[in-house]
Protein backbone atom coordinates (compact mmCIF):
# COMPACT_ATOMS: atom_id res chain seq x y z
CA UNK A 1 -10.51 9.66 34.83
CA UNK A 2 -9.40 6.64 32.90
CA UNK A 3 -7.26 7.24 29.65
CA UNK A 4 -9.51 5.78 26.88
CA UNK A 5 -8.82 5.60 23.27
CA UNK A 6 -10.64 4.26 20.30
CA UNK A 7 -9.53 2.86 16.84
CA UNK A 8 -11.78 4.15 13.80
CA UNK A 9 -12.11 2.39 10.60
CA UNK A 10 -11.70 4.81 8.02
CA UNK A 11 -13.98 4.09 4.87
CA UNK A 12 -15.25 7.03 2.76
CA UNK A 13 -18.46 4.98 2.19
CA UNK A 14 -19.31 4.97 5.94
CA UNK A 15 -18.09 8.70 6.60
CA UNK A 16 -21.14 9.46 8.64
CA UNK A 17 -20.70 6.59 11.09
CA UNK A 18 -16.88 7.46 11.21
CA UNK A 19 -17.46 11.05 11.96
CA UNK A 20 -20.60 10.29 14.33
CA UNK A 21 -18.30 8.00 16.55
CA UNK A 22 -15.59 10.41 16.58
CA UNK A 23 -17.83 13.28 17.77
CA UNK A 24 -19.30 11.01 20.33
CA UNK A 25 -15.95 9.89 21.66
CA UNK A 26 -14.81 13.60 21.76
CA UNK A 27 -17.79 14.74 23.91
CA UNK A 28 -17.32 11.64 26.40
CA UNK A 29 -13.70 12.76 27.31
CA UNK A 30 -11.94 9.84 25.22
CA UNK A 31 -8.22 10.77 25.06
CA UNK A 32 -7.33 9.74 21.47
CA UNK A 33 -8.65 8.39 18.33
CA UNK A 34 -6.49 6.11 16.16
CA UNK A 35 -6.81 5.60 12.23
CA UNK A 36 -4.75 2.86 10.62
CA UNK A 37 -3.64 2.58 7.04
CA UNK A 38 -2.31 -0.96 6.02
CA UNK A 39 -3.00 -1.13 2.30
CA UNK A 40 -6.49 0.27 2.42
CA UNK A 41 -7.38 4.01 2.59
CA UNK A 42 -4.78 6.60 3.52
CA UNK A 43 -4.74 7.47 7.22
CA UNK A 44 -4.25 11.22 6.78
CA UNK A 45 -7.34 12.07 4.67
CA UNK A 46 -9.31 10.61 7.82
CA UNK A 47 -7.41 12.41 10.23
CA UNK A 48 -8.01 15.65 8.37
CA UNK A 49 -11.74 15.01 8.65
CA UNK A 50 -11.36 14.19 12.35
CA UNK A 51 -9.52 17.35 13.04
CA UNK A 52 -12.27 19.42 11.75
CA UNK A 53 -15.04 17.48 13.21
CA UNK A 54 -13.42 17.14 16.98
CA UNK A 55 -12.39 19.64 19.43
CA UNK A 56 -10.42 18.21 22.22
CA UNK A 57 -9.51 14.39 21.40
CA UNK A 58 -5.95 13.64 20.26
CA UNK A 59 -5.71 12.21 16.62
CA UNK A 60 -3.05 9.52 15.89
CA UNK A 61 -2.11 6.91 13.27
CA UNK A 62 -1.96 3.26 14.52
CA UNK A 63 0.03 3.01 12.45
CA UNK A 64 1.57 4.27 9.20
CA UNK A 65 4.83 2.45 7.97
CA UNK A 66 8.11 4.26 7.72
CA UNK A 67 8.96 2.90 4.00
CA UNK A 68 6.15 4.17 1.71
CA UNK A 69 6.82 7.88 2.56
CA UNK A 70 10.10 9.77 3.12
CA UNK A 71 10.58 11.26 6.57
CA UNK A 72 10.12 14.76 4.94
CA UNK A 73 6.75 13.53 3.55
CA UNK A 74 5.60 12.07 6.89
CA UNK A 75 6.58 15.30 8.69
CA UNK A 76 4.45 17.36 6.32
CA UNK A 77 1.41 15.05 6.89
CA UNK A 78 1.62 15.05 10.47
CA UNK A 79 2.42 18.77 10.64
CA UNK A 80 -0.64 19.45 8.67
CA UNK A 81 -2.82 17.48 10.81
CA UNK A 82 -1.24 19.05 13.96
CA UNK A 83 -2.02 22.51 12.65
CA UNK A 84 -5.55 21.81 11.49
CA UNK A 85 -6.46 20.28 14.65
CA UNK A 86 -4.76 22.73 17.10
CA UNK A 87 -1.95 20.70 18.37
CA UNK A 88 -3.60 17.38 18.73
CA UNK A 89 -1.59 14.83 16.60
CA UNK A 90 0.11 11.75 17.70
CA UNK A 91 2.73 10.37 15.34
CA UNK A 92 2.20 6.50 15.18
CA UNK A 93 4.73 4.61 13.20
CA UNK A 94 5.80 1.14 12.51
CA UNK A 95 7.98 -0.84 10.20
CA UNK A 96 5.29 -3.08 8.86
CA UNK A 97 6.64 -6.19 7.46
CA UNK A 98 8.04 -7.71 4.19
CA UNK A 99 4.55 -8.67 2.94
CA UNK A 100 3.22 -5.30 2.97
CA UNK A 101 6.29 -3.28 2.10
CA UNK A 102 7.31 -5.70 -0.79
CA UNK A 103 3.99 -7.08 -1.96
CA UNK A 104 2.00 -3.69 -1.96
CA UNK A 105 4.70 -0.88 -2.16
CA UNK A 106 7.24 -2.55 -4.22
CA UNK A 107 10.06 -1.56 -1.77
CA UNK A 108 12.75 -3.62 -0.30
CA UNK A 109 12.13 -4.38 3.46
CA UNK A 110 15.71 -3.54 4.78
CA UNK A 111 17.10 -2.51 8.12
CA UNK A 112 13.73 -1.67 9.89
CA UNK A 113 15.55 -0.58 13.13
CA UNK A 114 17.83 1.90 11.23
CA UNK A 115 15.26 3.25 9.18
CA UNK A 116 12.91 4.01 12.17
CA UNK A 117 15.83 5.64 13.82
CA UNK A 118 16.50 7.92 11.20
CA UNK A 119 12.86 8.64 10.36
CA UNK A 120 12.45 9.79 14.15
CA UNK A 121 15.53 12.01 13.99
CA UNK A 122 14.46 13.60 10.78
CA UNK A 123 10.81 14.22 11.81
CA UNK A 124 12.00 16.09 14.80
CA UNK A 125 14.48 17.98 12.99
CA UNK A 126 11.88 19.15 10.27
CA UNK A 127 9.41 19.96 13.06
CA UNK A 128 12.13 22.30 14.63
CA UNK A 129 11.53 24.84 11.89
CA UNK A 130 15.21 25.38 11.78
CA UNK A 131 17.80 24.56 9.00
CA UNK A 132 19.66 21.31 9.61
CA UNK A 133 22.34 18.98 8.06
CA UNK A 134 21.49 15.28 8.26
CA UNK A 135 24.25 12.90 6.77
CA UNK A 136 22.08 9.96 6.23
CA UNK A 137 22.75 7.15 5.38
CA UNK A 138 19.28 6.64 3.86
CA UNK A 139 18.08 10.32 3.59
CA UNK A 140 21.10 12.64 3.35
CA UNK A 141 19.79 16.07 3.82
CA UNK A 142 22.08 19.36 3.47
CA UNK A 143 20.92 22.76 4.46
CA UNK A 144 17.30 21.52 4.66
CA UNK A 145 14.53 23.87 3.69
CA UNK A 146 12.49 24.94 6.54
CA UNK A 147 9.15 23.22 6.56
CA UNK A 148 6.31 25.42 5.60
CA UNK A 149 3.55 23.76 7.61
CA UNK A 150 2.90 25.35 11.00
CA UNK A 151 2.36 22.59 13.73
CA UNK A 152 1.40 23.48 17.00
CA UNK A 153 3.10 21.28 19.32
CA UNK A 154 6.79 22.06 19.68
CA UNK A 155 7.78 18.63 18.97
CA UNK A 156 6.01 15.72 17.42
CA UNK A 157 4.79 13.00 19.83
CA UNK A 158 6.06 9.79 18.44
CA UNK A 159 4.66 6.28 19.33
CA UNK A 160 6.21 3.27 17.79
CA UNK A 161 4.44 -0.13 17.18
CA UNK A 162 7.18 -2.63 17.88
CA UNK A 163 7.49 -6.47 18.67
CA UNK A 164 10.65 -7.65 18.90
CA UNK A 165 12.72 -6.87 22.14
CA UNK A 166 15.46 -5.03 20.31
CA UNK A 167 12.77 -2.80 18.50
CA UNK A 168 11.05 -2.34 21.90
CA UNK A 169 14.19 -1.10 23.40
CA UNK A 170 14.57 1.20 20.49
CA UNK A 171 11.09 2.45 21.25
CA UNK A 172 11.91 3.10 24.93
CA UNK A 173 15.06 4.85 24.11
CA UNK A 174 13.70 7.17 21.14
CA UNK A 175 9.98 7.37 21.33
CA UNK A 176 7.32 9.12 23.41
CA UNK A 177 5.06 6.04 23.58
CA UNK A 178 4.72 2.23 22.73
CA UNK A 179 1.98 0.55 20.92
CA UNK A 180 2.43 -2.94 21.70
CA UNK A 181 0.35 -6.11 20.57
CA UNK A 182 -0.27 -9.67 21.28
CA UNK A 183 0.99 -9.44 24.80
CA UNK A 184 -1.15 -11.76 27.26
CA UNK A 185 -2.50 -10.28 30.36
CA UNK A 186 -0.34 -12.23 32.75
CA UNK A 187 2.94 -11.00 31.10
CA UNK A 188 1.88 -7.45 30.35
CA UNK A 189 3.47 -5.92 33.71
CA UNK A 190 6.83 -7.67 33.15
CA UNK A 191 6.92 -6.29 29.43
CA UNK A 192 5.96 -2.75 30.33
CA UNK A 193 8.42 -2.79 33.24
CA UNK A 194 11.09 -3.96 30.81
CA UNK A 195 10.29 -1.10 28.37
CA UNK A 196 10.31 1.52 31.05
CA UNK A 197 13.61 0.11 32.57
CA UNK A 198 15.24 0.75 29.01
CA UNK A 199 13.83 4.34 29.02
CA UNK A 200 15.41 4.85 32.32
CA UNK A 201 18.68 3.47 31.30
CA UNK A 202 18.66 5.91 28.58
CA UNK A 203 18.43 8.77 30.76
CA UNK A 204 14.64 9.37 30.09
CA UNK A 205 11.81 9.81 32.50
CA UNK A 206 10.00 6.39 32.46
CA UNK A 207 6.74 7.86 33.67
CA UNK A 208 6.65 10.29 30.72
CA UNK A 209 6.84 7.18 28.40
CA UNK A 210 3.36 6.30 27.49
CA UNK A 211 2.30 2.64 26.78
CA UNK A 212 -1.21 1.53 25.15
CA UNK A 213 -2.41 -1.63 26.55
CA UNK A 214 -2.02 -4.17 23.82
CA UNK A 215 -5.56 -5.71 23.91
CA UNK A 216 -8.81 -4.28 22.78
CA UNK A 217 -11.41 -4.25 25.32
CA UNK A 218 -15.02 -4.57 23.97
CA UNK A 219 -18.28 -3.78 25.75
CA UNK A 220 -21.12 -5.84 24.42
CA UNK A 221 -24.56 -5.99 26.42
CA UNK A 222 -26.32 -8.48 24.20
CA UNK A 223 -25.45 -12.22 24.71
CA UNK A 224 -25.75 -13.03 20.95
CA UNK A 225 -23.31 -10.05 20.11
CA UNK A 226 -20.94 -10.98 22.64
CA UNK A 227 -20.75 -14.58 21.23
CA UNK A 228 -20.02 -13.05 17.88
CA UNK A 229 -17.34 -10.68 19.29
CA UNK A 230 -15.56 -13.34 20.88
CA UNK A 231 -15.74 -15.35 17.62
CA UNK A 232 -14.27 -12.40 15.94
CA UNK A 233 -11.38 -12.13 18.46
CA UNK A 234 -10.42 -15.52 18.03
CA UNK A 235 -10.55 -15.53 14.20
CA UNK A 236 -8.23 -12.28 14.65
CA UNK A 237 -5.89 -14.12 16.68
CA UNK A 238 -5.71 -17.15 14.29
CA UNK A 239 -4.92 -14.95 11.36
CA UNK A 240 -2.09 -13.17 13.19
CA UNK A 241 -0.49 -16.43 14.32
CA UNK A 242 -1.04 -18.27 10.94
CA UNK A 243 -1.20 -15.85 8.12
CA UNK A 244 0.06 -12.34 9.15
CA UNK A 245 3.79 -13.10 8.64
CA UNK A 246 6.62 -14.44 10.75
CA UNK A 247 7.01 -11.36 12.73
CA UNK A 248 3.54 -12.10 14.50
CA UNK A 249 4.24 -15.68 14.80
CA UNK A 250 7.38 -15.16 16.54
CA UNK A 251 5.83 -12.91 19.01
CA UNK A 252 3.40 -15.59 20.05
CA UNK A 253 6.39 -17.70 20.76
CA UNK A 254 8.24 -15.16 22.74
CA UNK A 255 5.11 -14.74 24.95
CA UNK A 256 4.85 -18.34 25.81
CA UNK A 257 2.17 -19.45 23.34
CA UNK A 258 4.35 -21.15 20.71
CA UNK A 259 2.81 -24.64 21.08
CA UNK A 260 -0.72 -22.89 20.77
CA UNK A 261 0.47 -20.90 17.63
CA UNK A 262 1.97 -23.97 15.90
CA UNK A 263 -1.30 -25.77 16.37
CA UNK A 264 -3.29 -23.02 14.95
CA UNK A 265 -0.95 -22.79 11.89
CA UNK A 266 -1.26 -26.34 11.20
CA UNK A 267 -5.08 -26.29 11.54
CA UNK A 268 -5.22 -23.27 9.04
CA UNK A 269 -3.11 -25.12 6.57
CA UNK A 270 -5.03 -28.39 6.77
CA UNK A 271 -8.63 -27.40 7.57
CA UNK A 272 -8.94 -23.63 6.92
CA UNK A 273 -9.61 -20.48 9.04
CA UNK A 274 -12.62 -21.71 10.68
CA UNK A 275 -10.71 -24.62 12.39
CA UNK A 276 -7.71 -22.20 13.35
CA UNK A 277 -10.22 -19.98 15.04
CA UNK A 278 -11.80 -22.71 16.99
CA UNK A 279 -8.32 -23.67 18.43
CA UNK A 280 -7.68 -19.79 18.98
CA UNK A 281 -11.04 -19.37 20.91
CA UNK A 282 -9.65 -20.70 24.42
CA UNK A 283 -6.59 -18.27 24.49
CA UNK A 284 -8.02 -15.32 22.80
CA UNK A 285 -9.27 -13.63 26.07
CA UNK A 286 -5.71 -13.58 27.19
CA UNK A 287 -5.13 -11.11 24.60
CA UNK A 288 -8.57 -9.53 23.69
CA UNK A 289 -11.49 -9.01 26.03
CA UNK A 290 -15.35 -8.92 25.25
CA UNK A 291 -17.82 -8.48 28.05
CA UNK A 292 -20.21 -6.37 30.12
CA UNK A 293 -19.38 -2.72 31.01
CA UNK A 294 -18.45 -3.86 34.72
CA UNK A 295 -16.37 -6.65 33.34
CA UNK A 296 -14.55 -4.40 30.84
CA UNK A 297 -13.91 -1.77 33.66
CA UNK A 298 -12.25 -4.51 35.83
CA UNK A 299 -10.13 -5.53 32.76
CA UNK A 300 -9.07 -1.96 32.10
CA UNK A 301 -8.28 -1.75 35.81
CA UNK A 302 -6.10 -4.73 35.57
CA UNK A 303 -4.38 -3.22 32.81
CA UNK A 304 -3.68 -0.01 34.55
CA UNK A 305 -2.26 -1.90 37.31
CA UNK A 306 -0.09 -3.51 35.17
CA UNK A 307 1.41 -0.20 34.12
CA UNK A 308 -0.59 0.53 30.96
CA UNK A 309 -1.60 4.43 30.44
CA UNK A 310 -3.93 4.06 27.42
CA UNK A 311 -6.67 1.62 27.02
CA UNK A 312 -8.29 0.79 23.70
CA UNK A 313 -11.96 0.12 23.70
CA UNK A 314 -15.05 -0.60 21.49
CA UNK A 315 -18.57 -0.49 22.15
CA UNK A 316 -20.66 -3.14 19.94
CA UNK A 317 -24.54 -3.14 19.42
CA UNK A 318 -25.53 -0.18 21.37
CA UNK A 319 -27.60 2.59 20.24
CA UNK A 320 -25.82 6.00 19.81
CA UNK A 321 -27.28 7.32 23.10
CA UNK A 322 -26.28 4.14 24.98
CA UNK A 323 -22.73 4.02 23.36
CA UNK A 324 -22.30 7.66 24.73
CA UNK A 325 -23.18 6.68 28.03
CA UNK A 326 -20.92 3.61 27.90
CA UNK A 327 -18.06 5.83 26.73
CA UNK A 328 -18.54 8.21 29.39
CA UNK A 329 -18.66 5.41 32.23
CA UNK A 330 -15.41 4.13 30.63
CA UNK A 331 -13.70 7.27 31.06
CA UNK A 332 -15.19 7.71 34.39
């Protein structure tokens, strides 16, 4: 069986679609469903619905940031979802960036590595259901109250979304899984090998460190929809390279696409998003893939050969019945 996961867009105005896809994924044997947050709807209300509507699939955040909630609040949220789902939560965390943290939450974007490290330590401490002392520095806790929520899993499985090598190393040393992004297919094996090497150097079992493949794989069986899907991928890449902040722009440079990213940024400034997306189109398949079911299966197998454990997929333009067939075929 292939380890397949799906990102769901949580929007209360489309709740029937949200829950229908979740049920189909659960029945098909999909391993995990992810709900993001950003500055839209909160992730945890959507996860609570999924916990009630599904039976087996794991439920994760991809991702919530470590600034807008304290570690204690995060522990409450995730423990509640774990209890409600019978032990299926995945804690997906990230630092986000200054644009989000400062311009939406009104908080200083300071010391992301230290904040993530302290958040992980406190999440595990609260989850232990024992009293503890934590000296800080950001969240000093003395004789902590025992959390009243009743999570099922003995320890929270924590996955981090990180880009910079120093942050990836922190992920390998401290977390249970990695949610990378914007890594081209020809560099994926080396990036995963480096992360697993850091895990081993920290005395951890690298085989127990889960890596989700960084690129979405989209199954599209209609030629017109396929063209639109590929155009959307190019537009998404252009936005990340030109408008999603310096953290993502630097990621393209690290991955050997600095020249292309600079051209995309210039096109966005001079001519707008459409021109930038046109420049992004030739390189987008290195990061994101859309194609037939057979072609997508081949891409997933290549990602697995590079060391990826989980593979994020999407099915576009299919009837509910055909979508379920495709999901079952992807799982295998």
